[in-house]
Amino acid sequence: MNFCSECAHPVALAIPEGDNRPRFVCTQCGTIHYQNPKLVVGSIPIWERDGELKVLLCKRAIEPRHGYWTLPAGFMENAETTAAAAIRETVEEAGANIELGPLFSMLNVAHVHQVHLFYLARLIDLDYAAGIESLDVQMFSEREIPWAELAFPTIRTTLELFFEDRKKVLKGGVYGFHEHDIVKPMLAAQAHQSDLA
């Protein structure tokens, strides 16, 4: 940040009185510009028929990770709830109609100043299509998911947690809520294995 959004004068990095970390402070009007993590919100859209469950994934048409697969998700907008953001992003990226379920995962991605939230969701129908930010949209069973081509660690972690819970659900259990810290970047050629020890 170079200039104050209040008065357009230069800002300087300083620790304000009573604070404990550097902030951008306006040298003219004294406004302290706080920068906080951004929320990325999405869904896990599922379709289940005759005992077979599939998850809807989008192939990214934008950077970062152009051409890699992801769950439909994106940055939350102002004046929007997290649930509304999850539904909007699913419509925008996958053209999919969903019934939103409970919050499933919250992943702290501190090294890029983000928190990722994913809701369970049920596809209402199979009327879906790639949006402007997607090259393709497809449904995958667990064995079909392109694990080595997933865009982000948060997607891999959420899907691994989802399929682990799915095994419990089939035995009479329930989907849980999961909170994790993501501390390392995704490796494109990483094999499908859980790093959640």
N, C-alpha and C. Protein backbone atom coordinates (compact mmCIF):
# COMPACT_ATOMS: atom_id res chain seq x y z
N MET A 1 0.85 -1.18 0.00
CA MET A 1 0.00 0.00 0.00
C MET A 1 0.89 1.23 0.00
N ASN A 2 0.58 2.19 -0.89
CA ASN A 2 1.40 3.40 -1.00
C ASN A 2 0.68 4.67 -0.56
N PHE A 3 -0.64 4.72 -0.80
CA PHE A 3 -1.37 5.95 -0.53
C PHE A 3 -2.64 5.68 0.28
N CYS A 4 -3.01 6.66 1.06
CA CYS A 4 -4.18 6.58 1.92
C CYS A 4 -5.47 6.64 1.09
N SER A 5 -6.41 5.74 1.37
CA SER A 5 -7.68 5.75 0.65
C SER A 5 -8.62 6.82 1.19
N GLU A 6 -8.26 7.48 2.29
CA GLU A 6 -9.08 8.54 2.85
C GLU A 6 -8.70 9.90 2.30
N CYS A 7 -7.37 10.17 2.19
CA CYS A 7 -6.95 11.52 1.77
C CYS A 7 -5.92 11.52 0.65
N ALA A 8 -5.50 10.33 0.20
CA ALA A 8 -4.58 10.16 -0.93
C ALA A 8 -3.13 10.55 -0.64
N HIS A 9 -2.80 10.81 0.60
CA HIS A 9 -1.41 11.10 0.96
C HIS A 9 -0.64 9.78 1.18
N PRO A 10 0.70 9.85 1.18
CA PRO A 10 1.50 8.63 1.37
C PRO A 10 1.27 8.00 2.74
N VAL A 11 1.41 6.67 2.77
CA VAL A 11 1.32 5.95 4.03
C VAL A 11 2.70 5.41 4.39
N ALA A 12 2.88 5.12 5.67
CA ALA A 12 4.13 4.55 6.15
C ALA A 12 3.80 3.35 7.02
N LEU A 13 4.70 2.37 7.01
CA LEU A 13 4.52 1.20 7.85
C LEU A 13 5.02 1.53 9.25
N ALA A 14 4.12 1.41 10.23
CA ALA A 14 4.47 1.75 11.61
C ALA A 14 3.60 0.96 12.57
N ILE A 15 4.05 0.82 13.80
CA ILE A 15 3.24 0.18 14.83
C ILE A 15 2.49 1.27 15.57
N PRO A 16 1.18 1.36 15.38
CA PRO A 16 0.40 2.40 16.05
C PRO A 16 0.44 2.24 17.57
N GLU A 17 0.25 3.32 18.26
CA GLU A 17 0.23 3.29 19.71
C GLU A 17 -0.88 2.33 20.19
N GLY A 18 -0.51 1.47 21.12
CA GLY A 18 -1.47 0.50 21.65
C GLY A 18 -1.61 -0.75 20.81
N ASP A 19 -0.91 -0.83 19.68
CA ASP A 19 -0.96 -2.00 18.80
C ASP A 19 0.30 -2.83 19.01
N ASN A 20 0.38 -3.96 18.35
CA ASN A 20 1.56 -4.82 18.52
C ASN A 20 2.16 -5.30 17.21
N ARG A 21 1.68 -4.73 16.07
CA ARG A 21 2.23 -5.14 14.79
C ARG A 21 2.18 -3.97 13.80
N PRO A 22 3.05 -4.01 12.79
CA PRO A 22 3.07 -2.91 11.81
C PRO A 22 1.77 -2.80 11.02
N ARG A 23 1.35 -1.57 10.79
CA ARG A 23 0.17 -1.27 9.97
C ARG A 23 0.56 -0.13 9.03
N PHE A 24 -0.20 0.01 7.93
CA PHE A 24 -0.02 1.16 7.07
C PHE A 24 -0.77 2.33 7.71
N VAL A 25 -0.03 3.40 8.02
CA VAL A 25 -0.59 4.57 8.69
C VAL A 25 -0.38 5.79 7.80
N CYS A 26 -1.42 6.57 7.61
CA CYS A 26 -1.32 7.77 6.78
C CYS A 26 -0.47 8.82 7.48
N THR A 27 0.49 9.39 6.75
CA THR A 27 1.37 10.41 7.32
C THR A 27 0.69 11.76 7.42
N GLN A 28 -0.47 11.91 6.77
CA GLN A 28 -1.19 13.20 6.78
C GLN A 28 -2.37 13.17 7.76
N CYS A 29 -3.31 12.26 7.56
CA CYS A 29 -4.54 12.28 8.38
C CYS A 29 -4.50 11.29 9.54
N GLY A 30 -3.50 10.41 9.57
CA GLY A 30 -3.35 9.49 10.68
C GLY A 30 -4.21 8.23 10.61
N THR A 31 -4.96 8.05 9.52
CA THR A 31 -5.80 6.86 9.38
C THR A 31 -4.94 5.60 9.41
N ILE A 32 -5.36 4.63 10.21
CA ILE A 32 -4.68 3.33 10.26
C ILE A 32 -5.42 2.38 9.33
N HIS A 33 -4.71 1.83 8.38
CA HIS A 33 -5.31 0.93 7.39
C HIS A 33 -5.04 -0.51 7.79
N TYR A 34 -6.07 -1.14 8.36
CA TYR A 34 -5.95 -2.53 8.78
C TYR A 34 -6.17 -3.45 7.58
N GLN A 35 -5.33 -4.45 7.46
CA GLN A 35 -5.49 -5.44 6.40
C GLN A 35 -5.74 -6.79 7.06
N ASN A 36 -6.85 -7.42 6.69
CA ASN A 36 -7.28 -8.65 7.34
C ASN A 36 -7.42 -9.78 6.33
N PRO A 37 -7.42 -11.02 6.81
CA PRO A 37 -7.55 -12.16 5.89
C PRO A 37 -8.85 -12.11 5.09
N LYS A 38 -8.79 -12.69 3.90
CA LYS A 38 -9.96 -12.76 3.04
C LYS A 38 -10.62 -14.14 3.18
N LEU A 39 -11.94 -14.16 3.02
CA LEU A 39 -12.69 -15.41 3.08
C LEU A 39 -12.93 -15.95 1.67
N VAL A 40 -12.57 -17.20 1.46
CA VAL A 40 -12.89 -17.93 0.24
C VAL A 40 -13.96 -18.94 0.63
N VAL A 41 -15.10 -18.90 -0.06
CA VAL A 41 -16.24 -19.73 0.33
C VAL A 41 -16.71 -20.56 -0.87
N GLY A 42 -17.04 -21.81 -0.61
CA GLY A 42 -17.50 -22.66 -1.69
C GLY A 42 -18.35 -23.81 -1.19
N SER A 43 -18.62 -24.75 -2.08
CA SER A 43 -19.47 -25.88 -1.74
C SER A 43 -18.86 -27.18 -2.22
N ILE A 44 -19.39 -28.27 -1.67
CA ILE A 44 -19.06 -29.62 -2.11
C ILE A 44 -20.35 -30.18 -2.71
N PRO A 45 -20.60 -29.91 -4.00
CA PRO A 45 -21.87 -30.33 -4.60
C PRO A 45 -21.86 -31.83 -4.91
N ILE A 46 -22.80 -32.56 -4.32
CA ILE A 46 -22.83 -34.00 -4.53
C ILE A 46 -24.12 -34.44 -5.21
N TRP A 47 -24.02 -35.54 -5.93
CA TRP A 47 -25.17 -36.18 -6.59
C TRP A 47 -25.10 -37.65 -6.24
N GLU A 48 -26.18 -38.19 -5.71
CA GLU A 48 -26.18 -39.59 -5.31
C GLU A 48 -27.40 -40.30 -5.88
N ARG A 49 -27.15 -41.38 -6.60
CA ARG A 49 -28.21 -42.19 -7.17
C ARG A 49 -27.79 -43.66 -7.13
N ASP A 50 -28.71 -44.52 -6.72
CA ASP A 50 -28.48 -45.97 -6.70
C ASP A 50 -27.19 -46.34 -5.96
N GLY A 51 -26.93 -45.64 -4.86
CA GLY A 51 -25.78 -45.96 -4.03
C GLY A 51 -24.47 -45.40 -4.51
N GLU A 52 -24.46 -44.71 -5.66
CA GLU A 52 -23.22 -44.12 -6.16
C GLU A 52 -23.22 -42.62 -5.92
N LEU A 53 -22.16 -42.13 -5.32
CA LEU A 53 -22.03 -40.71 -5.01
C LEU A 53 -20.95 -40.08 -5.87
N LYS A 54 -21.25 -38.92 -6.43
CA LYS A 54 -20.27 -38.18 -7.22
C LYS A 54 -20.22 -36.73 -6.74
N VAL A 55 -19.04 -36.12 -6.92
CA VAL A 55 -18.82 -34.72 -6.54
C VAL A 55 -18.56 -33.91 -7.79
N LEU A 56 -19.15 -32.73 -7.86
CA LEU A 56 -18.98 -31.84 -9.01
C LEU A 56 -17.73 -30.98 -8.82
N LEU A 57 -16.83 -31.04 -9.80
CA LEU A 57 -15.60 -30.25 -9.79
C LEU A 57 -15.53 -29.36 -11.02
N CYS A 58 -14.80 -28.26 -10.89
CA CYS A 58 -14.61 -27.30 -12.00
C CYS A 58 -13.14 -27.25 -12.37
N LYS A 59 -12.86 -27.20 -13.68
CA LYS A 59 -11.49 -27.01 -14.15
C LYS A 59 -11.27 -25.51 -14.35
N ARG A 60 -10.28 -24.95 -13.67
CA ARG A 60 -10.09 -23.51 -13.63
C ARG A 60 -9.68 -22.92 -14.99
N ALA A 61 -10.34 -21.82 -15.36
CA ALA A 61 -10.01 -21.10 -16.59
C ALA A 61 -9.20 -19.84 -16.29
N ILE A 62 -8.85 -19.64 -15.03
CA ILE A 62 -8.11 -18.45 -14.62
C ILE A 62 -6.92 -18.85 -13.75
N GLU A 63 -5.97 -17.93 -13.63
CA GLU A 63 -4.86 -18.11 -12.69
C GLU A 63 -5.32 -17.63 -11.33
N PRO A 64 -4.74 -18.14 -10.26
CA PRO A 64 -3.69 -19.17 -10.26
C PRO A 64 -4.24 -20.56 -10.53
N ARG A 65 -3.34 -21.45 -10.93
CA ARG A 65 -3.64 -22.86 -11.17
C ARG A 65 -4.62 -23.09 -12.32
N HIS A 66 -4.41 -22.33 -13.40
CA HIS A 66 -5.21 -22.49 -14.62
C HIS A 66 -5.12 -23.96 -15.08
N GLY A 67 -6.27 -24.55 -15.41
CA GLY A 67 -6.29 -25.91 -15.92
C GLY A 67 -6.35 -26.99 -14.86
N TYR A 68 -6.33 -26.60 -13.58
CA TYR A 68 -6.42 -27.57 -12.50
C TYR A 68 -7.85 -27.61 -11.95
N TRP A 69 -8.18 -28.70 -11.27
CA TRP A 69 -9.54 -28.92 -10.80
C TRP A 69 -9.75 -28.39 -9.39
N THR A 70 -10.96 -27.90 -9.15
CA THR A 70 -11.30 -27.32 -7.86
C THR A 70 -12.77 -27.53 -7.55
N LEU A 71 -13.13 -27.40 -6.30
CA LEU A 71 -14.53 -27.27 -5.93
C LEU A 71 -14.96 -25.85 -6.28
N PRO A 72 -16.23 -25.62 -6.59
CA PRO A 72 -16.66 -24.24 -6.88
C PRO A 72 -16.53 -23.37 -5.63
N ALA A 73 -15.73 -22.32 -5.73
CA ALA A 73 -15.47 -21.45 -4.58
C ALA A 73 -14.86 -20.15 -5.06
N GLY A 74 -14.94 -19.13 -4.22
CA GLY A 74 -14.34 -17.84 -4.56
C GLY A 74 -14.44 -16.88 -3.39
N PHE A 75 -13.95 -15.67 -3.60
CA PHE A 75 -13.92 -14.69 -2.53
C PHE A 75 -15.33 -14.21 -2.18
N MET A 76 -15.59 -14.14 -0.90
CA MET A 76 -16.86 -13.62 -0.39
C MET A 76 -16.94 -12.13 -0.66
N GLU A 77 -18.12 -11.65 -1.02
CA GLU A 77 -18.34 -10.23 -1.29
C GLU A 77 -18.86 -9.53 -0.03
N ASN A 78 -18.69 -8.20 0.02
CA ASN A 78 -19.28 -7.41 1.10
C ASN A 78 -20.80 -7.54 1.05
N ALA A 79 -21.44 -7.41 2.19
CA ALA A 79 -22.90 -7.48 2.32
C ALA A 79 -23.45 -8.84 1.89
N GLU A 80 -22.65 -9.90 2.09
CA GLU A 80 -23.04 -11.24 1.69
C GLU A 80 -22.79 -12.18 2.86
N THR A 81 -23.69 -13.14 3.07
CA THR A 81 -23.43 -14.16 4.07
C THR A 81 -22.54 -15.25 3.47
N THR A 82 -21.93 -16.07 4.34
CA THR A 82 -21.10 -17.14 3.81
C THR A 82 -21.93 -18.14 3.01
N ALA A 83 -23.16 -18.41 3.46
CA ALA A 83 -24.04 -19.33 2.73
C ALA A 83 -24.38 -18.77 1.36
N ALA A 84 -24.71 -17.48 1.30
CA ALA A 84 -25.03 -16.84 0.01
C ALA A 84 -23.82 -16.87 -0.91
N ALA A 85 -22.63 -16.67 -0.36
CA ALA A 85 -21.41 -16.71 -1.17
C ALA A 85 -21.19 -18.10 -1.76
N ALA A 86 -21.43 -19.14 -0.97
CA ALA A 86 -21.24 -20.51 -1.45
C ALA A 86 -22.19 -20.82 -2.60
N ILE A 87 -23.44 -20.41 -2.46
CA ILE A 87 -24.43 -20.64 -3.52
C ILE A 87 -24.07 -19.84 -4.77
N ARG A 88 -23.71 -18.57 -4.60
CA ARG A 88 -23.37 -17.72 -5.74
C ARG A 88 -22.17 -18.28 -6.50
N GLU A 89 -21.13 -18.66 -5.78
CA GLU A 89 -19.93 -19.17 -6.44
C GLU A 89 -20.22 -20.49 -7.18
N THR A 90 -21.09 -21.31 -6.64
CA THR A 90 -21.45 -22.56 -7.30
C THR A 90 -22.20 -22.29 -8.60
N VAL A 91 -23.08 -21.29 -8.58
CA VAL A 91 -23.80 -20.90 -9.80
C VAL A 91 -22.84 -20.29 -10.81
N GLU A 92 -21.96 -19.38 -10.35
CA GLU A 92 -21.06 -18.68 -11.27
C GLU A 92 -20.05 -19.62 -11.93
N GLU A 93 -19.49 -20.54 -11.17
CA GLU A 93 -18.42 -21.38 -11.70
C GLU A 93 -18.90 -22.68 -12.33
N ALA A 94 -20.04 -23.20 -11.82
CA ALA A 94 -20.49 -24.51 -12.31
C ALA A 94 -21.90 -24.47 -12.88
N GLY A 95 -22.58 -23.32 -12.83
CA GLY A 95 -23.94 -23.24 -13.33
C GLY A 95 -24.88 -24.21 -12.67
N ALA A 96 -24.56 -24.59 -11.42
CA ALA A 96 -25.30 -25.67 -10.75
C ALA A 96 -26.31 -25.16 -9.74
N ASN A 97 -27.44 -25.84 -9.69
CA ASN A 97 -28.48 -25.55 -8.70
C ASN A 97 -28.27 -26.48 -7.51
N ILE A 98 -28.08 -25.89 -6.32
CA ILE A 98 -27.80 -26.71 -5.14
C ILE A 98 -28.74 -26.38 -3.99
N GLU A 99 -28.88 -27.38 -3.14
CA GLU A 99 -29.50 -27.18 -1.83
C GLU A 99 -28.35 -27.22 -0.83
N LEU A 100 -28.12 -26.09 -0.18
CA LEU A 100 -26.96 -25.97 0.70
C LEU A 100 -27.20 -26.69 2.02
N GLY A 101 -26.20 -27.43 2.46
CA GLY A 101 -26.23 -28.11 3.75
C GLY A 101 -25.38 -27.38 4.77
N PRO A 102 -24.92 -28.08 5.80
CA PRO A 102 -24.13 -27.44 6.85
C PRO A 102 -22.69 -27.17 6.42
N LEU A 103 -22.04 -26.29 7.16
CA LEU A 103 -20.63 -26.01 6.96
C LEU A 103 -19.83 -27.27 7.27
N PHE A 104 -18.92 -27.64 6.36
CA PHE A 104 -18.17 -28.88 6.50
C PHE A 104 -16.72 -28.66 6.92
N SER A 105 -16.06 -27.67 6.28
CA SER A 105 -14.64 -27.47 6.59
C SER A 105 -14.29 -25.99 6.66
N MET A 106 -13.35 -25.70 7.57
CA MET A 106 -12.77 -24.36 7.68
C MET A 106 -11.26 -24.54 7.70
N LEU A 107 -10.60 -23.98 6.68
CA LEU A 107 -9.17 -24.19 6.53
C LEU A 107 -8.44 -22.85 6.57
N ASN A 108 -7.53 -22.73 7.53
CA ASN A 108 -6.75 -21.51 7.67
C ASN A 108 -5.52 -21.61 6.77
N VAL A 109 -5.40 -20.65 5.85
CA VAL A 109 -4.26 -20.62 4.92
C VAL A 109 -3.49 -19.34 5.23
N ALA A 110 -2.83 -19.35 6.39
CA ALA A 110 -2.24 -18.12 6.94
C ALA A 110 -1.16 -17.52 6.04
N HIS A 111 -0.42 -18.36 5.31
CA HIS A 111 0.69 -17.83 4.50
C HIS A 111 0.21 -17.00 3.31
N VAL A 112 -1.08 -17.11 2.95
CA VAL A 112 -1.63 -16.23 1.90
C VAL A 112 -2.79 -15.39 2.44
N HIS A 113 -2.91 -15.32 3.78
CA HIS A 113 -3.88 -14.44 4.44
C HIS A 113 -5.32 -14.76 4.04
N GLN A 114 -5.67 -16.05 4.05
CA GLN A 114 -7.02 -16.47 3.66
C GLN A 114 -7.57 -17.51 4.63
N VAL A 115 -8.90 -17.58 4.69
CA VAL A 115 -9.62 -18.65 5.37
C VAL A 115 -10.60 -19.22 4.35
N HIS A 116 -10.57 -20.55 4.15
CA HIS A 116 -11.44 -21.20 3.17
C HIS A 116 -12.54 -21.97 3.89
N LEU A 117 -13.79 -21.74 3.49
CA LEU A 117 -14.95 -22.40 4.06
C LEU A 117 -15.68 -23.19 2.98
N PHE A 118 -16.03 -24.45 3.28
CA PHE A 118 -16.77 -25.27 2.31
C PHE A 118 -18.01 -25.86 2.97
N TYR A 119 -19.14 -25.69 2.29
CA TYR A 119 -20.42 -26.23 2.74
C TYR A 119 -20.73 -27.53 2.00
N LEU A 120 -21.36 -28.46 2.70
CA LEU A 120 -21.95 -29.61 2.02
C LEU A 120 -23.10 -29.10 1.17
N ALA A 121 -23.32 -29.70 0.01
CA ALA A 121 -24.42 -29.27 -0.86
C ALA A 121 -24.91 -30.44 -1.68
N ARG A 122 -26.21 -30.43 -1.97
CA ARG A 122 -26.82 -31.46 -2.80
C ARG A 122 -27.25 -30.85 -4.12
N LEU A 123 -26.82 -31.46 -5.22
CA LEU A 123 -27.27 -31.00 -6.53
C LEU A 123 -28.76 -31.27 -6.68
N ILE A 124 -29.51 -30.25 -7.05
CA ILE A 124 -30.95 -30.39 -7.23
C ILE A 124 -31.26 -31.12 -8.54
N ASP A 125 -30.42 -30.87 -9.55
CA ASP A 125 -30.59 -31.52 -10.85
C ASP A 125 -29.23 -31.62 -11.51
N LEU A 126 -29.20 -32.15 -12.72
CA LEU A 126 -27.93 -32.28 -13.45
C LEU A 126 -27.78 -31.22 -14.53
N ASP A 127 -28.44 -30.12 -14.34
CA ASP A 127 -28.36 -28.98 -15.27
C ASP A 127 -27.23 -28.06 -14.82
N TYR A 128 -26.00 -28.40 -15.23
CA TYR A 128 -24.84 -27.59 -14.87
C TYR A 128 -23.99 -27.36 -16.11
N ALA A 129 -23.18 -26.31 -16.07
CA ALA A 129 -22.33 -25.96 -17.22
C ALA A 129 -21.21 -25.05 -16.74
N ALA A 130 -20.09 -25.09 -17.43
CA ALA A 130 -18.94 -24.27 -17.05
C ALA A 130 -19.26 -22.79 -17.15
N GLY A 131 -18.92 -22.06 -16.10
CA GLY A 131 -19.07 -20.61 -16.11
C GLY A 131 -17.85 -19.96 -16.74
N ILE A 132 -17.79 -18.63 -16.69
CA ILE A 132 -16.71 -17.90 -17.35
C ILE A 132 -15.35 -18.18 -16.74
N GLU A 133 -15.31 -18.61 -15.46
CA GLU A 133 -14.03 -18.89 -14.80
C GLU A 133 -13.67 -20.38 -14.85
N SER A 134 -14.46 -21.17 -15.58
CA SER A 134 -14.22 -22.61 -15.66
C SER A 134 -14.06 -23.06 -17.11
N LEU A 135 -13.11 -23.97 -17.33
CA LEU A 135 -12.93 -24.58 -18.65
C LEU A 135 -13.88 -25.75 -18.84
N ASP A 136 -14.20 -26.42 -17.72
CA ASP A 136 -15.01 -27.63 -17.78
C ASP A 136 -15.61 -27.87 -16.41
N VAL A 137 -16.69 -28.60 -16.36
CA VAL A 137 -17.33 -29.02 -15.11
C VAL A 137 -17.71 -30.49 -15.27
N GLN A 138 -17.29 -31.32 -14.33
CA GLN A 138 -17.58 -32.75 -14.41
C GLN A 138 -17.86 -33.30 -13.02
N MET A 139 -18.59 -34.43 -13.02
CA MET A 139 -18.83 -35.15 -11.77
C MET A 139 -17.86 -36.31 -11.67
N PHE A 140 -17.35 -36.54 -10.45
CA PHE A 140 -16.37 -37.59 -10.21
C PHE A 140 -16.74 -38.40 -8.98
N SER A 141 -16.58 -39.71 -9.08
CA SER A 141 -16.61 -40.54 -7.89
C SER A 141 -15.25 -40.40 -7.21
N GLU A 142 -15.11 -40.94 -6.02
CA GLU A 142 -13.82 -40.83 -5.32
C GLU A 142 -12.69 -41.40 -6.16
N ARG A 143 -12.90 -42.56 -6.76
CA ARG A 143 -11.82 -43.20 -7.53
C ARG A 143 -11.52 -42.46 -8.83
N GLU A 144 -12.45 -41.62 -9.30
CA GLU A 144 -12.24 -40.90 -10.57
C GLU A 144 -11.62 -39.52 -10.38
N ILE A 145 -11.60 -39.02 -9.18
CA ILE A 145 -11.10 -37.65 -8.96
C ILE A 145 -9.65 -37.54 -9.41
N PRO A 146 -9.32 -36.50 -10.17
CA PRO A 146 -7.93 -36.31 -10.63
C PRO A 146 -7.07 -35.73 -9.51
N TRP A 147 -6.71 -36.59 -8.55
CA TRP A 147 -6.03 -36.14 -7.34
C TRP A 147 -4.74 -35.38 -7.64
N ALA A 148 -3.99 -35.78 -8.64
CA ALA A 148 -2.73 -35.11 -8.97
C ALA A 148 -2.94 -33.79 -9.69
N GLU A 149 -4.20 -33.50 -10.06
CA GLU A 149 -4.49 -32.26 -10.80
C GLU A 149 -5.41 -31.33 -10.01
N LEU A 150 -5.45 -31.48 -8.70
CA LEU A 150 -6.26 -30.57 -7.88
C LEU A 150 -5.51 -29.25 -7.70
N ALA A 151 -6.27 -28.17 -7.71
CA ALA A 151 -5.67 -26.84 -7.75
C ALA A 151 -5.00 -26.41 -6.45
N PHE A 152 -5.59 -26.74 -5.30
CA PHE A 152 -5.11 -26.17 -4.04
C PHE A 152 -5.13 -27.20 -2.92
N PRO A 153 -4.26 -27.05 -1.92
CA PRO A 153 -4.28 -27.94 -0.76
C PRO A 153 -5.62 -27.95 -0.03
N THR A 154 -6.32 -26.83 -0.02
CA THR A 154 -7.62 -26.79 0.66
C THR A 154 -8.64 -27.70 -0.03
N ILE A 155 -8.53 -27.81 -1.34
CA ILE A 155 -9.45 -28.69 -2.09
C ILE A 155 -9.14 -30.14 -1.79
N ARG A 156 -7.87 -30.51 -1.85
CA ARG A 156 -7.46 -31.88 -1.53
C ARG A 156 -7.88 -32.24 -0.11
N THR A 157 -7.58 -31.38 0.84
CA THR A 157 -7.90 -31.67 2.24
C THR A 157 -9.40 -31.83 2.44
N THR A 158 -10.18 -30.93 1.87
CA THR A 158 -11.64 -31.00 2.02
C THR A 158 -12.19 -32.28 1.40
N LEU A 159 -11.72 -32.64 0.22
CA LEU A 159 -12.20 -33.86 -0.43
C LEU A 159 -11.79 -35.11 0.35
N GLU A 160 -10.57 -35.14 0.84
CA GLU A 160 -10.14 -36.30 1.64
C GLU A 160 -10.98 -36.43 2.90
N LEU A 161 -11.23 -35.32 3.57
CA LEU A 161 -12.07 -35.34 4.77
C LEU A 161 -13.49 -35.77 4.43
N PHE A 162 -14.00 -35.28 3.30
CA PHE A 162 -15.36 -35.62 2.89
C PHE A 162 -15.50 -37.14 2.67
N PHE A 163 -14.56 -37.73 1.93
CA PHE A 163 -14.67 -39.16 1.63
C PHE A 163 -14.41 -40.02 2.86
N GLU A 164 -13.59 -39.53 3.80
CA GLU A 164 -13.42 -40.25 5.07
C GLU A 164 -14.73 -40.24 5.85
N ASP A 165 -15.39 -39.07 5.91
CA ASP A 165 -16.67 -38.99 6.60
C ASP A 165 -17.74 -39.82 5.88
N ARG A 166 -17.65 -39.87 4.56
CA ARG A 166 -18.62 -40.64 3.78
C ARG A 166 -18.64 -42.11 4.21
N LYS A 167 -17.46 -42.66 4.49
CA LYS A 167 -17.37 -44.04 4.96
C LYS A 167 -18.12 -44.20 6.28
N LYS A 168 -18.02 -43.19 7.15
CA LYS A 168 -18.72 -43.24 8.44
C LYS A 168 -20.23 -43.12 8.24
N VAL A 169 -20.64 -42.27 7.30
CA VAL A 169 -22.06 -42.08 7.02
C VAL A 169 -22.69 -43.39 6.54
N LEU A 170 -21.97 -44.12 5.71
CA LEU A 170 -22.49 -45.40 5.20
C LEU A 170 -22.66 -46.43 6.30
N LYS A 171 -21.98 -46.21 7.44
CA LYS A 171 -22.11 -47.11 8.59
C LYS A 171 -23.02 -46.53 9.67
N GLY A 172 -23.78 -45.49 9.30
CA GLY A 172 -24.72 -44.91 10.25
C GLY A 172 -24.24 -43.67 10.94
N GLY A 173 -23.04 -43.18 10.61
CA GLY A 173 -22.50 -41.97 11.21
C GLY A 173 -23.00 -40.71 10.51
N VAL A 174 -22.33 -39.62 10.77
CA VAL A 174 -22.72 -38.34 10.18
C VAL A 174 -21.47 -37.62 9.67
N TYR A 175 -21.72 -36.65 8.79
CA TYR A 175 -20.64 -35.77 8.35
C TYR A 175 -20.31 -34.83 9.50
N GLY A 176 -19.03 -34.65 9.76
CA GLY A 176 -18.61 -33.77 10.84
C GLY A 176 -18.25 -32.39 10.35
N PHE A 177 -17.74 -31.58 11.25
CA PHE A 177 -17.17 -30.28 10.90
C PHE A 177 -15.67 -30.37 11.14
N HIS A 178 -14.88 -29.87 10.18
CA HIS A 178 -13.43 -30.03 10.24
C HIS A 178 -12.73 -28.68 10.14
N GLU A 179 -11.77 -28.46 11.02
CA GLU A 179 -10.97 -27.24 11.01
C GLU A 179 -9.50 -27.64 10.94
N HIS A 180 -8.79 -27.08 9.95
CA HIS A 180 -7.38 -27.43 9.75
C HIS A 180 -6.58 -26.20 9.35
N ASP A 181 -5.28 -26.29 9.59
CA ASP A 181 -4.34 -25.27 9.13
C ASP A 181 -3.58 -25.86 7.95
N ILE A 182 -3.53 -25.11 6.87
CA ILE A 182 -2.77 -25.51 5.69
C ILE A 182 -1.44 -24.76 5.74
N VAL A 183 -0.34 -25.51 5.83
CA VAL A 183 0.95 -24.86 6.05
C VAL A 183 1.96 -25.11 4.93
N LYS A 184 1.56 -25.85 3.90
CA LYS A 184 2.51 -26.08 2.81
C LYS A 184 1.79 -26.00 1.48
N PRO A 185 2.51 -25.62 0.42
CA PRO A 185 1.88 -25.48 -0.90
C PRO A 185 1.62 -26.83 -1.55
N MET A 186 0.72 -26.81 -2.52
CA MET A 186 0.38 -28.01 -3.29
C MET A 186 1.52 -28.34 -4.26
N LEU A 187 1.82 -29.62 -4.39
CA LEU A 187 2.75 -30.09 -5.42
C LEU A 187 1.92 -30.70 -6.53
N ALA A 188 2.14 -30.23 -7.76
CA ALA A 188 1.30 -30.65 -8.88
C ALA A 188 1.30 -32.16 -9.08
N ALA A 189 2.42 -32.81 -8.86
CA ALA A 189 2.52 -34.24 -9.13
C ALA A 189 2.28 -35.09 -7.88
N GLN A 190 1.80 -34.48 -6.82
CA GLN A 190 1.59 -35.19 -5.57
C GLN A 190 0.58 -36.33 -5.76
N ALA A 191 0.93 -37.51 -5.29
CA ALA A 191 0.03 -38.66 -5.41
C ALA A 191 -1.12 -38.50 -4.43
N HIS A 192 -2.20 -39.24 -4.65
CA HIS A 192 -3.35 -39.20 -3.75
C HIS A 192 -3.01 -39.92 -2.45
N GLN A 193 -2.68 -39.10 -1.44
CA GLN A 193 -2.44 -39.67 -0.13
C GLN A 193 -2.81 -38.63 0.91
N SER A 194 -3.24 -39.07 2.05
CA SER A 194 -3.66 -38.14 3.09
C SER A 194 -2.43 -37.63 3.82
N ASP A 195 -2.39 -36.30 4.01
CA ASP A 195 -1.32 -35.68 4.79
C ASP A 195 -1.88 -35.23 6.13
N LEU A 196 -2.92 -35.88 6.59
CA LEU A 196 -3.64 -35.39 7.77
C LEU A 196 -3.30 -36.19 9.02
N ALA A 197 -2.07 -36.67 9.11
CA ALA A 197 -1.69 -37.47 10.27
C ALA A 197 -1.75 -36.64 11.53
